[in-house]
Amino acid sequence: MLLNTIIEKDDNGYFAHIPQLKGCVSQGKTYEETLLNIKEAAELYLESLDKNELILFENQFVSIAPIEVNYSRANLS
């Protein structure tokens, strides 16, 4: 199963979450550690679902798509 994972970096390391799995978050000091941690968190999350919840989850459609937006830097001051 493929899941979309959002990973962000800040001063303390990396933070990850999976939009499809509400509340499924993890962190790590490195990008690679964070990927391993969020994968483990997702597996534990999915194991906690009952049969009906899992069926609903498997039938979801989620897409992450880049969009282009126009903005003016003049509005930033």
C-alpha atoms as a PDB file:
ATOM      1  CA  MET A   1       0.000   0.000   0.000  1.00  0.00           C
ATOM      2  CA  LEU A   2       1.358   3.419  -0.904  1.00  0.00           C
ATOM      3  CA  LEU A   3       0.634   6.397   1.319  1.00  0.00           C
ATOM      4  CA  ASN A   4       1.525  10.026   0.812  1.00  0.00           C
ATOM      5  CA  THR A   5       3.779  11.327   3.558  1.00  0.00           C
ATOM      6  CA  ILE A   6       4.514  14.990   4.238  1.00  0.00           C
ATOM      7  CA  ILE A   7       7.963  15.607   5.737  1.00  0.00           C
ATOM      8  CA  GLU A   8       9.046  19.015   6.964  1.00  0.00           C
ATOM      9  CA  LYS A   9      12.377  20.145   8.378  1.00  0.00           C
ATOM     10  CA  ASP A  10      12.819  22.585  11.231  1.00  0.00           C
ATOM     11  CA  ASP A  11      15.545  23.506  13.711  1.00  0.00           C
ATOM     12  CA  ASN A  12      14.939  20.322  15.744  1.00  0.00           C
ATOM     13  CA  GLY A  13      15.020  17.806  12.889  1.00  0.00           C
ATOM     14  CA  TYR A  14      12.263  16.411  10.706  1.00  0.00           C
ATOM     15  CA  PHE A  15       8.522  16.017  11.285  1.00  0.00           C
ATOM     16  CA  ALA A  16       6.281  13.706   9.241  1.00  0.00           C
ATOM     17  CA  HIS A  17       2.570  13.079   8.945  1.00  0.00           C
ATOM     18  CA  ILE A  18       0.274  11.106   6.676  1.00  0.00           C
ATOM     19  CA  PRO A  19      -2.845  13.092   5.702  1.00  0.00           C
ATOM     20  CA  GLN A  20      -4.907   9.939   5.061  1.00  0.00           C
ATOM     21  CA  LEU A  21      -4.223   8.634   8.583  1.00  0.00           C
ATOM     22  CA  LYS A  22      -5.522  11.329  10.917  1.00  0.00           C
ATOM     23  CA  GLY A  23      -3.133  11.786  13.827  1.00  0.00           C
ATOM     24  CA  CYS A  24      -0.424   9.553  12.366  1.00  0.00           C
ATOM     25  CA  VAL A  25       2.731  11.582  12.982  1.00  0.00           C
ATOM     26  CA  SER A  26       6.381  10.960  13.721  1.00  0.00           C
ATOM     27  CA  GLN A  27       9.721  12.699  13.809  1.00  0.00           C
ATOM     28  CA  GLY A  28      13.437  12.073  13.592  1.00  0.00           C
ATOM     29  CA  LYS A  29      16.826  13.718  13.605  1.00  0.00           C
ATOM     30  CA  THR A  30      17.502  12.773   9.972  1.00  0.00           C
ATOM     31  CA  TYR A  31      15.302  12.442   6.894  1.00  0.00           C
ATOM     32  CA  GLU A  32      16.012   8.706   6.704  1.00  0.00           C
ATOM     33  CA  GLU A  33      15.207   8.152  10.387  1.00  0.00           C
ATOM     34  CA  THR A  34      11.970  10.065   9.953  1.00  0.00           C
ATOM     35  CA  LEU A  35      10.946   7.907   6.980  1.00  0.00           C
ATOM     36  CA  LEU A  36      11.516   4.743   9.009  1.00  0.00           C
ATOM     37  CA  ASN A  37       9.628   6.166  11.993  1.00  0.00           C
ATOM     38  CA  ILE A  38       6.584   7.284   9.974  1.00  0.00           C
ATOM     39  CA  LYS A  39       6.463   3.918   8.202  1.00  0.00           C
ATOM     40  CA  GLU A  40       6.359   2.152  11.565  1.00  0.00           C
ATOM     41  CA  ALA A  41       3.701   4.582  12.817  1.00  0.00           C
ATOM     42  CA  ALA A  42       1.567   3.924   9.707  1.00  0.00           C
ATOM     43  CA  GLU A  43       1.845   0.159  10.115  1.00  0.00           C
ATOM     44  CA  LEU A  44       0.776   0.387  13.764  1.00  0.00           C
ATOM     45  CA  TYR A  45      -2.082   2.725  12.823  1.00  0.00           C
ATOM     46  CA  LEU A  46      -3.377   0.335  10.149  1.00  0.00           C
ATOM     47  CA  GLU A  47      -3.105  -2.638  12.520  1.00  0.00           C
ATOM     48  CA  SER A  48      -5.377  -0.794  14.970  1.00  0.00           C
ATOM     49  CA  LEU A  49      -8.234  -0.457  12.468  1.00  0.00           C
ATOM     50  CA  ASP A  50     -11.126  -2.890  12.537  1.00  0.00           C
ATOM     51  CA  LYS A  51     -12.321  -4.566   9.337  1.00  0.00           C
ATOM     52  CA  ASN A  52     -14.963  -1.927   8.493  1.00  0.00           C
ATOM     53  CA  GLU A  53     -12.574   0.977   9.088  1.00  0.00           C
ATOM     54  CA  LEU A  54      -9.964  -0.681   6.905  1.00  0.00           C
ATOM     55  CA  ILE A  55     -12.470  -1.164   4.067  1.00  0.00           C
ATOM     56  CA  LEU A  56     -13.457   2.523   4.258  1.00  0.00           C
ATOM     57  CA  PHE A  57      -9.804   3.544   4.266  1.00  0.00           C
ATOM     58  CA  GLU A  58      -8.935   1.367   1.262  1.00  0.00           C
ATOM     59  CA  ASN A  59     -11.755   2.998  -0.739  1.00  0.00           C
ATOM     60  CA  GLN A  60     -10.566   6.569  -0.099  1.00  0.00           C
ATOM     61  CA  PHE A  61      -9.147   8.672  -2.889  1.00  0.00           C
ATOM     62  CA  VAL A  62      -6.464  11.140  -1.903  1.00  0.00           C
ATOM     63  CA  SER A  63      -4.283  13.078  -4.278  1.00  0.00           C
ATOM     64  CA  ILE A  64      -1.425  15.446  -3.658  1.00  0.00           C
ATOM     65  CA  ALA A  65      -0.977  17.695  -6.655  1.00  0.00           C
ATOM     66  CA  PRO A  66       1.266  20.678  -7.211  1.00  0.00           C
ATOM     67  CA  ILE A  67      -0.500  23.891  -8.141  1.00  0.00           C
ATOM     68  CA  GLU A  68       0.879  27.140  -9.420  1.00  0.00           C
ATOM     69  CA  VAL A  69      -0.312  30.308  -7.738  1.00  0.00           C
ATOM     70  CA  ASN A  70       0.359  33.922  -8.626  1.00  0.00           C
ATOM     71  CA  TYR A  71       1.419  36.336  -5.928  1.00  0.00           C
ATOM     72  CA  SER A  72       3.071  39.688  -5.727  1.00  0.00           C
ATOM     73  CA  ARG A  73       6.186  40.161  -3.602  1.00  0.00           C
ATOM     74  CA  ALA A  74       5.061  43.766  -3.104  1.00  0.00           C
ATOM     75  CA  ASN A  75       2.335  42.500  -0.763  1.00  0.00           C
ATOM     76  CA  LEU A  76       4.933  40.897   1.521  1.00  0.00           C
ATOM     77  CA  SER A  77       6.327  44.157   2.949  1.00  0.00           C
END
